[in-house]
C-alpha atoms as a PDB file:
ATOM      1  CA  MET A   1      -0.021  -0.007   0.102  1.00  0.00           C
ATOM      2  CA  THR A   2       2.916   2.284   0.679  1.00  0.00           C
ATOM      3  CA  CYS A   3       4.255   2.055  -2.835  1.00  0.00           C
ATOM      4  CA  ALA A   4       0.584   2.477  -4.209  1.00  0.00           C
ATOM      5  CA  SER A   5       0.117   5.870  -2.212  1.00  0.00           C
ATOM      6  CA  LEU A   6       3.473   7.175  -3.418  1.00  0.00           C
ATOM      7  CA  LEU A   7       2.734   6.270  -7.061  1.00  0.00           C
ATOM      8  CA  ALA A   8      -0.797   8.085  -6.576  1.00  0.00           C
ATOM      9  CA  GLY A   9       0.727  11.059  -5.079  1.00  0.00           C
ATOM     10  CA  PHE A  10       3.295  11.309  -7.844  1.00  0.00           C
ATOM     11  CA  VAL A  11       0.415  11.044 -10.639  1.00  0.00           C
ATOM     12  CA  ASP A  12      -2.025  12.988  -8.748  1.00  0.00           C
ATOM     13  CA  SER A  13       0.429  15.923  -8.393  1.00  0.00           C
ATOM     14  CA  ILE A  14       1.054  16.253 -12.139  1.00  0.00           C
ATOM     15  CA  VAL A  15      -2.265  15.733 -13.591  1.00  0.00           C
ATOM     16  CA  GLY A  16      -4.759  14.195 -11.222  1.00  0.00           C
ATOM     17  CA  GLY A  17      -5.842  10.465 -11.309  1.00  0.00           C
ATOM     18  CA  GLY A  18      -4.265   9.204  -8.151  1.00  0.00           C
ATOM     19  CA  GLY A  19      -7.516   7.614  -7.132  1.00  0.00           C
ATOM     20  CA  LEU A  20      -7.195   5.188  -9.894  1.00  0.00           C
ATOM     21  CA  ILE A  21      -4.115   3.777  -8.074  1.00  0.00           C
ATOM     22  CA  MET A  22      -5.082   4.159  -4.513  1.00  0.00           C
ATOM     23  CA  VAL A  23      -8.817   2.994  -4.467  1.00  0.00           C
ATOM     24  CA  PRO A  24      -8.415  -0.182  -6.301  1.00  0.00           C
ATOM     25  CA  ALA A  25      -5.328  -1.063  -4.284  1.00  0.00           C
ATOM     26  CA  LEU A  26      -7.358  -0.332  -0.970  1.00  0.00           C
ATOM     27  CA  PHE A  27     -10.245  -2.571  -2.222  1.00  0.00           C
ATOM     28  CA  ALA A  28      -7.725  -5.523  -3.142  1.00  0.00           C
ATOM     29  CA  VAL A  29      -5.909  -5.261   0.352  1.00  0.00           C
ATOM     30  CA  PHE A  30      -9.271  -4.875   2.409  1.00  0.00           C
ATOM     31  CA  PRO A  31     -12.049  -6.621   0.449  1.00  0.00           C
ATOM     32  CA  GLY A  32     -14.407  -6.883   3.284  1.00  0.00           C
ATOM     33  CA  THR A  33     -14.024  -3.236   4.663  1.00  0.00           C
ATOM     34  CA  HIS A  34     -16.976  -0.922   4.221  1.00  0.00           C
ATOM     35  CA  PRO A  35     -16.318   1.271   1.047  1.00  0.00           C
ATOM     36  CA  ALA A  36     -16.907   4.403   3.006  1.00  0.00           C
ATOM     37  CA  THR A  37     -13.956   3.410   5.185  1.00  0.00           C
ATOM     38  CA  LEU A  38     -11.644   2.858   2.105  1.00  0.00           C
ATOM     39  CA  PHE A  39     -12.573   6.156   0.597  1.00  0.00           C
ATOM     40  CA  GLY A  40     -12.014   7.959   3.896  1.00  0.00           C
ATOM     41  CA  ILE A  41      -8.536   6.387   3.894  1.00  0.00           C
ATOM     42  CA  ASN A  42      -8.044   7.478   0.500  1.00  0.00           C
ATOM     43  CA  LYS A  43      -9.047  11.107   1.106  1.00  0.00           C
ATOM     44  CA  GLY A  44      -7.052  11.057   4.355  1.00  0.00           C
ATOM     45  CA  ALA A  45      -3.953  10.370   2.469  1.00  0.00           C
ATOM     46  CA  SER A  46      -4.342  12.181  -0.734  1.00  0.00           C
ATOM     47  CA  VAL A  47      -5.511  15.426   0.763  1.00  0.00           C
ATOM     48  CA  TRP A  48      -1.886  15.838   2.159  1.00  0.00           C
ATOM     49  CA  GLY A  49      -0.437  15.105  -1.149  1.00  0.00           C
ATOM     50  CA  THR A  50      -2.662  17.673  -3.100  1.00  0.00           C
ATOM     51  CA  ALA A  51      -1.980  20.393  -0.416  1.00  0.00           C
ATOM     52  CA  VAL A  52       1.740  19.833  -0.869  1.00  0.00           C
ATOM     53  CA  ALA A  53       1.601  19.919  -4.431  1.00  0.00           C
ATOM     54  CA  THR A  54      -0.323  23.136  -4.348  1.00  0.00           C
ATOM     55  CA  ALA A  55       2.276  24.811  -1.973  1.00  0.00           C
ATOM     56  CA  GLN A  56       5.011  23.544  -4.403  1.00  0.00           C
ATOM     57  CA  TYR A  57       3.480  25.055  -7.503  1.00  0.00           C
ATOM     58  CA  SER A  58       2.592  28.319  -5.931  1.00  0.00           C
ATOM     59  CA  ARG A  59       6.256  28.949  -5.411  1.00  0.00           C
ATOM     60  CA  ARG A  60       7.036  28.630  -9.085  1.00  0.00           C
ATOM     61  CA  VAL A  61       3.793  29.168 -11.139  1.00  0.00           C
ATOM     62  CA  ARG A  62       1.853  32.704 -10.715  1.00  0.00           C
ATOM     63  CA  MET A  63      -1.546  31.506  -9.225  1.00  0.00           C
ATOM     64  CA  ARG A  64      -4.307  33.672  -9.964  1.00  0.00           C
ATOM     65  CA  TRP A  65      -5.508  33.826  -6.280  1.00  0.00           C
ATOM     66  CA  SER A  66      -8.328  36.222  -6.586  1.00  0.00           C
ATOM     67  CA  ALA A  67     -10.299  33.882  -8.860  1.00  0.00           C
ATOM     68  CA  LEU A  68      -8.793  30.503  -7.191  1.00  0.00           C
ATOM     69  CA  LEU A  69      -9.388  31.047  -3.546  1.00  0.00           C
ATOM     70  CA  PRO A  70     -13.229  31.849  -4.038  1.00  0.00           C
ATOM     71  CA  ALA A  71     -13.440  28.688  -6.422  1.00  0.00           C
ATOM     72  CA  ALA A  72     -11.554  26.571  -3.967  1.00  0.00           C
ATOM     73  CA  LEU A  73     -14.287  27.578  -1.238  1.00  0.00           C
ATOM     74  CA  ALA A  74     -17.078  27.124  -3.962  1.00  0.00           C
ATOM     75  CA  GLY A  75     -15.488  23.330  -4.409  1.00  0.00           C
ATOM     76  CA  PHE A  76     -15.324  22.775  -0.765  1.00  0.00           C
ATOM     77  CA  GLY A  77     -19.345  23.583  -0.647  1.00  0.00           C
ATOM     78  CA  GLY A  78     -20.219  21.679  -3.598  1.00  0.00           C
ATOM     79  CA  SER A  79     -18.067  18.516  -2.355  1.00  0.00           C
ATOM     80  CA  LEU A  80     -20.042  18.672   1.091  1.00  0.00           C
ATOM     81  CA  GLY A  81     -23.431  19.016  -1.139  1.00  0.00           C
ATOM     82  CA  GLY A  82     -22.467  16.036  -3.322  1.00  0.00           C
ATOM     83  CA  ALA A  83     -21.249  13.741  -0.427  1.00  0.00           C
ATOM     84  CA  TRP A  84     -24.608  14.565   1.450  1.00  0.00           C
ATOM     85  CA  LEU A  85     -26.618  13.651  -1.883  1.00  0.00           C
ATOM     86  CA  VAL A  86     -24.719  10.366  -2.122  1.00  0.00           C
ATOM     87  CA  THR A  87     -26.267   9.261   1.220  1.00  0.00           C
ATOM     88  CA  LEU A  88     -29.534   9.681  -0.490  1.00  0.00           C
ATOM     89  CA  LEU A  89     -29.054   8.467  -3.967  1.00  0.00           C
ATOM     90  CA  SER A  90     -26.948   5.995  -5.730  1.00  0.00           C
ATOM     91  CA  PRO A  91     -24.105   7.459  -8.167  1.00  0.00           C
ATOM     92  CA  ASN A  92     -24.139   4.055 -10.095  1.00  0.00           C
ATOM     93  CA  PHE A  93     -25.799   5.712 -13.098  1.00  0.00           C
ATOM     94  CA  LEU A  94     -22.638   7.847 -13.615  1.00  0.00           C
ATOM     95  CA  ARG A  95     -20.467   4.597 -14.022  1.00  0.00           C
ATOM     96  CA  LYS A  96     -21.871   4.068 -17.553  1.00  0.00           C
ATOM     97  CA  VAL A  97     -21.510   7.765 -18.596  1.00  0.00           C
ATOM     98  CA  LEU A  98     -17.959   8.535 -17.315  1.00  0.00           C
ATOM     99  CA  PRO A  99     -16.198   6.676 -19.880  1.00  0.00           C
ATOM    100  CA  PHE A 100     -17.877   8.517 -22.736  1.00  0.00           C
ATOM    101  CA  VAL A 101     -17.034  11.730 -21.080  1.00  0.00           C
ATOM    102  CA  LEU A 102     -13.230  10.961 -20.486  1.00  0.00           C
ATOM    103  CA  LEU A 103     -13.117   9.630 -24.022  1.00  0.00           C
ATOM    104  CA  ALA A 104     -14.422  13.057 -25.428  1.00  0.00           C
ATOM    105  CA  LEU A 105     -11.883  15.080 -23.178  1.00  0.00           C
ATOM    106  CA  LEU A 106      -9.228  12.834 -24.708  1.00  0.00           C
ATOM    107  CA  VAL A 107     -10.304  13.182 -28.518  1.00  0.00           C
ATOM    108  CA  TYR A 108     -10.744  16.965 -28.048  1.00  0.00           C
ATOM    109  CA  THR A 109      -7.171  17.109 -26.595  1.00  0.00           C
ATOM    110  CA  LEU A 110      -5.575  15.146 -29.164  1.00  0.00           C
ATOM    111  CA  VAL A 111      -7.284  16.957 -32.120  1.00  0.00           C
ATOM    112  CA  LYS A 112      -6.473  20.181 -30.575  1.00  0.00           C
ATOM    113  CA  LYS A 113      -2.801  19.783 -30.693  1.00  0.00           C
ATOM    114  CA  ASN A 114      -1.829  23.286 -29.302  1.00  0.00           C
ATOM    115  CA  LEU A 115      -4.589  22.977 -26.573  1.00  0.00           C
ATOM    116  CA  GLY A 116      -2.879  24.151 -23.124  1.00  0.00           C
ATOM    117  CA  GLN A 117       0.518  24.809 -24.699  1.00  0.00           C
ATOM    118  CA  HIS A 118       0.369  28.507 -24.209  1.00  0.00           C
ATOM    119  CA  HIS A 119      -0.793  30.474 -21.059  1.00  0.00           C
ATOM    120  CA  THR A 120      -3.265  33.061 -22.338  1.00  0.00           C
ATOM    121  CA  PRO A 121      -5.999  33.420 -19.816  1.00  0.00           C
ATOM    122  CA  ARG A 122      -9.365  34.434 -21.255  1.00  0.00           C
ATOM    123  CA  PHE A 123     -11.058  36.413 -18.519  1.00  0.00           C
ATOM    124  CA  GLU A 124     -10.085  38.820 -15.863  1.00  0.00           C
ATOM    125  CA  GLY A 125     -11.461  40.131 -12.649  1.00  0.00           C
ATOM    126  CA  ARG A 126     -15.022  39.131 -11.684  1.00  0.00           C
ATOM    127  CA  SER A 127     -15.469  37.278 -14.907  1.00  0.00           C
ATOM    128  CA  GLU A 128     -12.627  34.896 -14.120  1.00  0.00           C
ATOM    129  CA  THR A 129     -13.752  34.553 -10.743  1.00  0.00           C
ATOM    130  CA  ALA A 130     -17.214  33.675 -11.746  1.00  0.00           C
ATOM    131  CA  VAL A 131     -16.200  31.010 -14.356  1.00  0.00           C
ATOM    132  CA  ALA A 132     -13.593  29.467 -11.811  1.00  0.00           C
ATOM    133  CA  CYS A 133     -16.261  29.292  -9.172  1.00  0.00           C
ATOM    134  CA  GLY A 134     -18.599  27.594 -11.629  1.00  0.00           C
ATOM    135  CA  ILE A 135     -16.140  24.984 -12.264  1.00  0.00           C
ATOM    136  CA  GLY A 136     -15.278  24.668  -8.499  1.00  0.00           C
ATOM    137  CA  VAL A 137     -18.740  24.153  -7.277  1.00  0.00           C
ATOM    138  CA  ALA A 138     -19.447  21.689 -10.251  1.00  0.00           C
ATOM    139  CA  MET A 139     -16.525  19.557  -9.714  1.00  0.00           C
ATOM    140  CA  GLY A 140     -16.574  19.668  -5.917  1.00  0.00           C
ATOM    141  CA  PHE A 141     -19.952  18.347  -6.152  1.00  0.00           C
ATOM    142  CA  TYR A 142     -18.905  15.543  -8.515  1.00  0.00           C
ATOM    143  CA  ASP A 143     -15.998  14.835  -6.378  1.00  0.00           C
ATOM    144  CA  GLY A 144     -18.172  14.454  -3.209  1.00  0.00           C
ATOM    145  CA  PHE A 145     -20.997  12.571  -5.006  1.00  0.00           C
ATOM    146  CA  PHE A 146     -18.681  10.150  -7.348  1.00  0.00           C
ATOM    147  CA  GLY A 147     -15.200  11.070  -7.693  1.00  0.00           C
ATOM    148  CA  PRO A 148     -13.232   9.151 -10.424  1.00  0.00           C
ATOM    149  CA  GLY A 149     -11.325  11.440 -12.794  1.00  0.00           C
ATOM    150  CA  THR A 150     -11.850  14.767 -10.752  1.00  0.00           C
ATOM    151  CA  GLY A 151      -8.357  15.964 -11.061  1.00  0.00           C
ATOM    152  CA  SER A 152      -7.991  15.251 -14.806  1.00  0.00           C
ATOM    153  CA  ILE A 153     -11.390  16.792 -15.682  1.00  0.00           C
ATOM    154  CA  LEU A 154     -10.577  19.874 -13.507  1.00  0.00           C
ATOM    155  CA  VAL A 155      -7.202  20.399 -15.467  1.00  0.00           C
ATOM    156  CA  PHE A 156      -8.988  20.012 -18.658  1.00  0.00           C
ATOM    157  CA  LEU A 157     -11.761  22.469 -17.562  1.00  0.00           C
ATOM    158  CA  PHE A 158      -9.141  25.213 -16.603  1.00  0.00           C
ATOM    159  CA  VAL A 159      -7.319  24.572 -19.890  1.00  0.00           C
ATOM    160  CA  ARG A 160     -10.456  24.998 -22.220  1.00  0.00           C
ATOM    161  CA  LEU A 161     -12.610  27.417 -20.438  1.00  0.00           C
ATOM    162  CA  LEU A 162     -10.163  29.637 -18.782  1.00  0.00           C
ATOM    163  CA  GLY A 163      -7.264  29.358 -21.399  1.00  0.00           C
ATOM    164  CA  TYR A 164      -4.567  28.193 -19.059  1.00  0.00           C
ATOM    165  CA  ASP A 165      -1.743  26.046 -19.984  1.00  0.00           C
ATOM    166  CA  PHE A 166      -1.351  22.517 -18.786  1.00  0.00           C
ATOM    167  CA  LEU A 167       1.016  23.522 -16.221  1.00  0.00           C
ATOM    168  CA  ASN A 168      -0.961  26.465 -14.831  1.00  0.00           C
ATOM    169  CA  ALA A 169      -4.100  24.254 -15.056  1.00  0.00           C
ATOM    170  CA  SER A 170      -2.607  21.401 -12.905  1.00  0.00           C
ATOM    171  CA  ALA A 171      -1.392  23.892 -10.238  1.00  0.00           C
ATOM    172  CA  SER A 172      -4.878  25.460 -10.103  1.00  0.00           C
ATOM    173  CA  ALA A 173      -6.585  22.090 -10.047  1.00  0.00           C
ATOM    174  CA  LYS A 174      -4.537  21.136  -7.223  1.00  0.00           C
ATOM    175  CA  LEU A 175      -5.998  23.809  -4.931  1.00  0.00           C
ATOM    176  CA  LEU A 176      -9.543  22.980  -5.857  1.00  0.00           C
ATOM    177  CA  ASN A 177      -8.900  19.371  -5.444  1.00  0.00           C
ATOM    178  CA  THR A 178      -7.593  19.928  -1.998  1.00  0.00           C
ATOM    179  CA  ALA A 179     -10.660  21.789  -0.899  1.00  0.00           C
ATOM    180  CA  SER A 180     -13.060  19.170  -2.217  1.00  0.00           C
ATOM    181  CA  ASN A 181     -10.878  16.375  -0.612  1.00  0.00           C
ATOM    182  CA  LEU A 182     -10.898  18.201   2.628  1.00  0.00           C
ATOM    183  CA  ALA A 183     -14.528  18.519   2.679  1.00  0.00           C
ATOM    184  CA  ALA A 184     -15.044  14.705   1.883  1.00  0.00           C
ATOM    185  CA  LEU A 185     -12.536  13.960   4.472  1.00  0.00           C
ATOM    186  CA  LEU A 186     -14.482  16.118   7.253  1.00  0.00           C
ATOM    187  CA  LEU A 187     -17.637  14.295   6.260  1.00  0.00           C
ATOM    188  CA  PHE A 188     -16.044  10.803   6.462  1.00  0.00           C
ATOM    189  CA  ALA A 189     -14.430  11.481   9.632  1.00  0.00           C
ATOM    190  CA  TRP A 190     -17.782  12.906  11.053  1.00  0.00           C
ATOM    191  CA  LYS A 191     -19.423   9.627  10.160  1.00  0.00           C
ATOM    192  CA  GLY A 192     -16.480   7.483  11.830  1.00  0.00           C
ATOM    193  CA  HIS A 193     -15.311   6.098   8.479  1.00  0.00           C
ATOM    194  CA  ILE A 194     -11.364   6.668   8.776  1.00  0.00           C
ATOM    195  CA  TRP A 195      -8.587   4.525   9.898  1.00  0.00           C
ATOM    196  CA  TRP A 196      -6.523   7.301  10.911  1.00  0.00           C
ATOM    197  CA  HIS A 197      -3.399   5.356  12.001  1.00  0.00           C
ATOM    198  CA  PHE A 198      -3.395   3.742   8.283  1.00  0.00           C
ATOM    199  CA  ALA A 199      -4.384   6.843   6.675  1.00  0.00           C
ATOM    200  CA  LEU A 200      -1.468   9.093   8.082  1.00  0.00           C
ATOM    201  CA  ALA A 201       0.969   6.346   7.257  1.00  0.00           C
ATOM    202  CA  LEU A 202      -0.175   6.261   3.639  1.00  0.00           C
ATOM    203  CA  ALA A 203       0.023  10.274   3.716  1.00  0.00           C
ATOM    204  CA  ILE A 204       3.478  10.363   4.241  1.00  0.00           C
ATOM    205  CA  ALA A 205       4.077   8.323   1.093  1.00  0.00           C
ATOM    206  CA  ASN A 206       1.597  10.172  -0.740  1.00  0.00           C
ATOM    207  CA  VAL A 207       3.469  13.418   0.058  1.00  0.00           C
ATOM    208  CA  VAL A 208       6.801  11.976  -1.097  1.00  0.00           C
ATOM    209  CA  GLY A 209       5.301  11.087  -4.397  1.00  0.00           C
ATOM    210  CA  SER A 210       3.730  14.318  -4.694  1.00  0.00           C
ATOM    211  CA  LEU A 211       6.956  16.106  -4.230  1.00  0.00           C
ATOM    212  CA  LEU A 212       8.472  14.173  -6.930  1.00  0.00           C
ATOM    213  CA  GLY A 213       5.757  14.466  -9.390  1.00  0.00           C
ATOM    214  CA  THR A 214       5.589  18.239  -8.701  1.00  0.00           C
ATOM    215  CA  ARG A 215       9.261  18.686  -9.372  1.00  0.00           C
ATOM    216  CA  MET A 216       9.005  16.862 -12.717  1.00  0.00           C
ATOM    217  CA  ALA A 217       6.003  18.951 -13.799  1.00  0.00           C
ATOM    218  CA  LEU A 218       7.737  22.287 -12.888  1.00  0.00           C
ATOM    219  CA  LYS A 219      11.079  20.780 -14.651  1.00  0.00           C
ATOM    220  CA  HIS A 220       9.431  19.932 -17.934  1.00  0.00           C
ATOM    221  CA  GLY A 221       6.551  22.137 -18.175  1.00  0.00           C
ATOM    222  CA  ALA A 222       3.147  22.245 -20.009  1.00  0.00           C
ATOM    223  CA  GLY A 223       4.156  19.815 -22.797  1.00  0.00           C
ATOM    224  CA  PHE A 224       5.026  17.191 -20.312  1.00  0.00           C
ATOM    225  CA  VAL A 225       1.966  17.786 -18.413  1.00  0.00           C
ATOM    226  CA  ARG A 226      -0.006  17.441 -21.466  1.00  0.00           C
ATOM    227  CA  TRP A 227       1.376  13.988 -22.351  1.00  0.00           C
ATOM    228  CA  VAL A 228       0.801  12.852 -18.851  1.00  0.00           C
ATOM    229  CA  PHE A 229      -2.881  14.122 -18.953  1.00  0.00           C
ATOM    230  CA  ILE A 230      -3.117  12.001 -22.170  1.00  0.00           C
ATOM    231  CA  ALA A 231      -1.748   8.971 -20.633  1.00  0.00           C
ATOM    232  CA  VAL A 232      -3.865   9.176 -17.409  1.00  0.00           C
ATOM    233  CA  VAL A 233      -6.997  10.022 -19.037  1.00  0.00           C
ATOM    234  CA  THR A 234      -6.465   6.877 -21.306  1.00  0.00           C
ATOM    235  CA  SER A 235      -6.035   4.872 -18.298  1.00  0.00           C
ATOM    236  CA  LEU A 236      -9.066   6.252 -16.534  1.00  0.00           C
ATOM    237  CA  ILE A 237     -11.134   5.455 -19.703  1.00  0.00           C
ATOM    238  CA  LEU A 238     -10.065   1.922 -19.726  1.00  0.00           C
ATOM    239  CA  LYS A 239     -10.563   1.508 -16.156  1.00  0.00           C
ATOM    240  CA  THR A 240     -13.918   3.124 -15.905  1.00  0.00           C
ATOM    241  CA  SER A 241     -15.188   1.212 -18.879  1.00  0.00           C
ATOM    242  CA  TYR A 242     -14.251  -1.956 -17.330  1.00  0.00           C
ATOM    243  CA  ASP A 243     -15.832  -0.942 -14.074  1.00  0.00           C
ATOM    244  CA  ALA A 244     -19.055  -0.089 -15.933  1.00  0.00           C
ATOM    245  CA  PHE A 245     -19.687  -2.652 -18.673  1.00  0.00           C
ATOM    246  CA  LEU A 246     -17.407  -5.753 -17.859  1.00  0.00           C
ATOM    247  CA  ARG A 247     -17.207  -6.293 -14.016  1.00  0.00           C
END
């Protein structure tokens, strides 16, 4: 599990998708455990990795805090709302939809070869804040209600809607992902669904992976993050398709 958490932190810090590694590993190691407990462990480890990645990026990337901080707050609220709704409704219907959504993102990214290569923000001031908050509340809600692919979809939305390059989009996505992870973690903790001793041990490995991944992203830039995005989204398509149609 330590190696899985380290790899999850590495991948997640670059372009999201760490849950693709951690959650299946937790289910494999603890097959009889309540899913909420395993999700709580995952959030308890990953929130530290995303927080550290945000701090690392903020030292080298010019973060647009005036838009991102309200967006993170919106993501926090959205995640709480999604986590509350999942106690009333099953998110299973999303399992069959998600692979096609991810496939659309992948095809669009491959066709638009210059997408995310240049950092040219489309909005300023209140307009940028409004769009960022819309992204935050929508993806926060999705993360609380269902979750898979949240980080990668956030990166895509920052690139496509706000005009960020992949490096700046990844840095921004980490802040929002930290907020939504924290909201879900608080809810799981309130419900008593976290093994803290295990989550904290995995958090250390997740942070180490996050530091390594952030360093690589900053060193190699937007082009490198784009290719990692393509690889992770392709893996997500395969994994979510298997879960939805073959399992």
